[in-house]
């Protein structure tokens, strides 16, 4: 053993502040682990904590875990959630005080609670109140984090995902843990800069496999190859959170070279600003209306050799029905519609059982920009508890629990109804239930960018449909109150 001991915790949520209601402690506890369970569940997974573990095991460092909790991407987080988990962190790290040499935190960066617009920075500050400022504290963030310079007063260094789809969560943890080890050994003295270009990017335009986001990440990697640079991140922000630090943030970590760090973030901000129209869908972005997009997908299946993928990008609740209704109206055939969230409908399908014909309403569980219920009638193809170990690039080695799950054949639509919110990231929601993507001519995804890790290869073409949903590409339909002046395109500044 090196003798080093490092405290670990995680706390994440992607908050849609415009969504009525609250995300509760019960919602978080469905995906929370405490104490040693944190290590047990994260080891070998594509997660930041999985990356922490990998480096620390290699370096023979002892990890002291407190908790990890995630509430997904839903409504504003209840204050009780912050109080519970940050309270647990305070107690846990207080017990380690004087024993640990550093702290690694896995946060999201786009959380908002009832009373806090930047709860992650508040949480790091509270951890610092316990452990002090004399030990290094490294933080990882999602690529869609809304962060400003306040975090640099608390964190020694900040590391963001560099890919959307988030296939690099584990690698982000590795980057942070490697920097921690180099800092503890005295090999580097991290200096971090953060600068905001004044742009907020709807997530559908943050896919780093294609331009314009790819161009920014290519520049990030170019800078990382320069002497004295420890790490570089481009945070694209989360557009549907009405908070003061909303929008992109460029981050550079150098080895005791603040001038270089500032040069890097200024360059990245300049590049982003030059692409602001493309990053916000105000140039030549190809977004289709519901009727047009479904019609185009059906037409393209006639010549396609692989499935046509429809991206219903604005649906954060995984229950909107605009696209489903139009697929049925246009009599789409050999169409997979995976992971429609509706616990009540899923329960009825499971109760009916395989081979039975059911007639029921599905979808639209939130009552907010969800398209309303759709009546379907079809044969039950599969029913039971949808639970499996993930095999895809984002969910590998993670337990995926969809709860009671039913699959119906509704005309030409293969419709999967689930009880726990999730979206199509990989082949698992289809293959784990006895089918393959190649069985279908059209596959519908609601996963914004993450599906691209798999379906850019599996699919012949991706057709992006701009259905209403909770998180539309057009930010003008929402009323922002807390965003700072000059954030493009909310406050237009061409």
Foldseek 3Di string as FASTA:
>chain_A
DLLAEEEEEEEEEAAQAVFPDEQELVLFVVAKDAWPVVCVQLDPALALVVLLVVVCVVVVYHYTYGMHTYNYYYHAYEPVNLCVVLVSLLVSLLVCAPPHQEYEYEYAANHHHPPGQGSVLVSLVSNCVRRPDPHAYEYEYELAHLDDPSSVVRHQFYFYQLAVVRLRNSVSSNLRNVVNVCVVVVNFRKDKDKDFLQAAFQLLLCHCVDPDNVVLSVLQVVLCPDPFWSHWGWRAHHLSRQAASGGIMIMTIGRPDVVSRVVSRVVSSVSCVVCRCSRLVNDPDAAAAQLVLLVVLQVVLVPDPFAEEEAQAQARQQFACSNVVNCVVVLPAQEEEFEHEDQVVLVVQQVQDAFDKDWDWGGDPSVPLRHDTDIFIFGWHDWDWDWDQDDDSNRHRHIDTQGTKIWGCGRRYTYIYTHDHDWDQEQCRAVVGPHGSRSGRYYYTHHSRNNCVHCVVRHPYYHYYQRRHSRGSPPVVDDHDHYDPRRPPVNPDD
